[in-house]
Amino acid sequence: MKNPAEGIKALKEVNAKAAETYHRALTEQEQKDFMQEMAGDYYYEFVAFLLCTGMRFGEAAALTWSDIYYKQNVIHVTKTVTFNEDNTRTTGTPKSESGKRDIPLNDTIKGILAKQRKKQSIVISIDKEENRAFVSVYGKMADNCTVKGVVILVDMFWPGSM
């Protein structure tokens, strides 16, 4: 109903190749404004997690609870979801070895994960065998079709990126 990106300068030129454009990160205030507008959205924790960890969409979609080591305070990023030309999804390894990495768990990220786990306890049709940390509102792997709110918001910040 309301555009959370209203008043924020575009991050990317619309019809330019990515290599030819200037990219910038959101300012701290833009992040706060963006998240305030997302408050109450089912995918709030998903977006907050992406912002706090720097993980890519596919990495977070592939993340399982067993990838999160609370005692060692680390998230092991070892896989990603890719979307094939025929609109099927595949979970595989990151494109490069540097894509496999550990992300430290801080109190903010732990809080986001705690809220996400609580939220998942009320999703009726969740696929518990996959043990995904982030699932769609339908209980399946989060993807760019079911996370429409996130995709729309990302596209508002990075026009033409989706």
Protein backbone atom coordinates (compact mmCIF):
# COMPACT_ATOMS: atom_id res chain seq x y z
CA MET A 1 0.00 0.00 0.00
CA LYS A 2 2.87 2.31 0.82
CA ASN A 3 6.23 2.46 -0.92
CA PRO A 4 8.95 2.02 1.74
CA ALA A 5 11.54 3.23 -0.77
CA GLU A 6 9.80 6.55 -1.31
CA GLY A 7 12.26 9.42 -1.10
CA ILE A 8 15.37 7.24 -1.32
CA LYS A 9 17.72 7.91 -4.20
CA ALA A 10 17.92 5.00 -6.67
CA LEU A 11 20.91 2.75 -6.14
CA LYS A 12 21.26 1.76 -9.76
CA GLU A 13 20.52 3.25 -13.15
CA VAL A 14 17.55 1.46 -14.70
CA ASN A 15 18.75 0.61 -18.23
CA ALA A 16 22.50 0.36 -17.66
CA LYS A 17 24.66 -2.75 -17.46
CA ALA A 18 25.67 -3.60 -13.90
CA ALA A 19 29.37 -3.07 -14.66
CA GLU A 20 28.62 0.44 -15.92
CA THR A 21 26.60 1.63 -12.95
CA TYR A 22 27.49 3.12 -9.61
CA HIS A 23 26.30 1.01 -6.68
CA ARG A 24 26.01 2.18 -3.13
CA ALA A 25 24.94 0.65 0.12
CA LEU A 26 21.91 1.89 1.99
CA THR A 27 22.69 4.45 4.63
CA GLU A 28 21.99 3.47 8.23
CA GLN A 29 18.92 5.74 8.21
CA GLU A 30 17.65 4.22 4.95
CA GLN A 31 18.00 0.76 6.47
CA LYS A 32 16.07 1.84 9.55
CA ASP A 33 13.33 3.45 7.44
CA PHE A 34 13.13 0.39 5.20
CA MET A 35 12.84 -2.02 8.13
CA GLN A 36 10.29 0.18 9.86
CA GLU A 37 8.11 -0.05 6.75
CA MET A 38 8.56 -3.84 6.71
CA ALA A 39 7.52 -4.22 10.36
CA GLY A 40 4.74 -6.78 10.66
CA ASP A 41 5.52 -8.39 7.29
CA TYR A 42 5.95 -12.19 7.32
CA TYR A 43 9.38 -11.81 5.71
CA TYR A 44 10.66 -9.17 8.13
CA GLU A 45 13.12 -11.56 9.82
CA PHE A 46 14.33 -12.83 6.46
CA VAL A 47 15.17 -9.31 5.26
CA ALA A 48 16.65 -8.32 8.65
CA PHE A 49 18.83 -11.44 8.52
CA LEU A 50 20.05 -10.55 5.02
CA LEU A 51 20.92 -7.02 6.12
CA CYS A 52 22.71 -8.15 9.28
CA THR A 53 24.72 -10.98 7.73
CA GLY A 54 25.35 -9.80 4.18
CA MET A 55 24.23 -13.19 2.92
CA ARG A 56 22.76 -13.43 -0.55
CA PHE A 57 19.11 -14.40 -1.06
CA GLY A 58 19.99 -17.91 -2.30
CA GLU A 59 22.39 -18.52 0.60
CA ALA A 60 19.76 -17.60 3.19
CA ALA A 61 17.09 -19.65 1.37
CA ALA A 62 19.40 -22.70 1.50
CA LEU A 63 20.32 -22.16 5.16
CA THR A 64 19.26 -24.93 7.53
CA TRP A 65 19.08 -24.79 11.30
CA SER A 66 21.95 -27.30 11.38
CA ASP A 67 24.19 -24.71 9.63
CA ILE A 68 23.89 -22.48 12.71
CA TYR A 69 26.26 -23.27 15.58
CA TYR A 70 25.18 -21.35 18.66
CA LYS A 71 27.95 -22.70 20.91
CA GLN A 72 30.63 -21.56 18.47
CA ASN A 73 28.66 -18.38 17.57
CA VAL A 74 28.94 -19.00 13.84
CA ILE A 75 26.85 -19.63 10.74
CA HIS A 76 28.44 -21.97 8.19
CA VAL A 77 27.58 -20.88 4.65
CA THR A 78 28.15 -23.95 2.50
CA LYS A 79 25.30 -23.95 0.00
CA THR A 80 23.04 -21.77 -2.08
CA VAL A 81 19.81 -22.07 -3.99
CA THR A 82 19.91 -21.39 -7.70
CA PHE A 83 16.97 -20.94 -9.97
CA ASN A 84 17.19 -22.79 -13.27
CA GLU A 85 15.84 -21.66 -16.65
CA ASP A 86 12.85 -24.00 -16.24
CA ASN A 87 11.97 -22.29 -12.90
CA THR A 88 13.10 -25.25 -10.81
CA ARG A 89 15.33 -24.75 -7.79
CA THR A 90 18.55 -26.52 -7.01
CA THR A 91 20.50 -26.45 -3.77
CA GLY A 92 24.20 -26.65 -4.44
CA THR A 93 27.54 -25.24 -3.44
CA PRO A 94 28.41 -21.55 -3.88
CA LYS A 95 29.93 -20.52 -7.23
CA SER A 96 33.41 -20.15 -5.75
CA GLU A 97 35.36 -21.43 -2.77
CA SER A 98 35.28 -17.96 -1.24
CA GLY A 99 31.47 -18.28 -1.16
CA LYS A 100 31.92 -20.95 1.51
CA ARG A 101 32.51 -18.99 4.68
CA ASP A 102 31.63 -18.54 8.32
CA ILE A 103 29.58 -15.60 9.54
CA PRO A 104 29.82 -14.68 13.23
CA LEU A 105 26.62 -14.79 15.27
CA ASN A 106 26.01 -11.66 17.31
CA ASP A 107 23.12 -10.93 19.66
CA THR A 108 21.11 -9.14 16.95
CA ILE A 109 21.33 -12.10 14.57
CA LYS A 110 20.51 -14.52 17.41
CA GLY A 111 17.42 -12.44 18.19
CA ILE A 112 16.30 -12.52 14.56
CA LEU A 113 16.79 -16.30 14.44
CA ALA A 114 14.86 -16.77 17.70
CA LYS A 115 11.91 -14.83 16.29
CA GLN A 116 12.14 -16.81 13.05
CA ARG A 117 12.10 -20.15 14.87
CA LYS A 118 9.07 -19.03 16.90
CA LYS A 119 7.33 -17.91 13.71
CA GLN A 120 8.03 -21.27 12.08
CA SER A 121 6.35 -23.07 14.96
CA ILE A 122 3.01 -21.67 13.76
CA VAL A 123 3.48 -22.39 10.04
CA ILE A 124 1.24 -25.42 9.57
CA SER A 125 2.58 -26.92 6.35
CA ILE A 126 6.31 -26.49 6.98
CA ASP A 127 8.58 -29.14 5.49
CA LYS A 128 10.36 -30.19 8.69
CA GLU A 129 12.63 -32.70 6.90
CA GLU A 130 14.37 -29.90 5.01
CA ASN A 131 15.00 -28.08 8.31
CA ARG A 132 15.20 -24.69 6.55
CA ALA A 133 15.76 -21.62 8.71
CA PHE A 134 13.70 -19.44 6.34
CA VAL A 135 10.65 -20.70 4.53
CA SER A 136 7.89 -19.08 2.54
CA VAL A 137 4.53 -18.29 4.04
CA TYR A 138 3.46 -21.64 2.51
CA GLY A 139 6.09 -23.59 4.48
CA LYS A 140 8.29 -24.31 1.46
CA MET A 141 11.79 -23.11 0.54
CA ALA A 142 11.82 -19.34 0.23
CA ASP A 143 12.27 -18.26 -3.36
CA ASN A 144 11.83 -15.19 -5.48
CA CYS A 145 8.30 -16.25 -6.46
CA THR A 146 6.90 -16.75 -2.96
CA VAL A 147 8.81 -13.94 -1.28
CA LYS A 148 7.00 -11.41 -3.45
CA GLY A 149 7.18 -8.67 -0.84
CA VAL A 150 10.95 -8.96 -0.62
CA VAL A 151 11.36 -9.10 -4.38
CA ILE A 152 9.16 -6.04 -4.89
CA LEU A 153 11.02 -4.12 -2.20
CA VAL A 154 14.42 -5.11 -3.58
CA ASP A 155 13.32 -4.05 -7.05
CA MET A 156 12.24 -0.66 -5.68
CA PHE A 157 15.73 -0.11 -4.29
CA TRP A 158 17.56 -1.63 -7.25
CA PRO A 159 15.25 -1.01 -10.25
CA GLY A 160 15.63 -3.59 -12.97
CA SER A 161 17.58 -6.01 -10.78
CA MET A 162 14.86 -8.65 -10.74
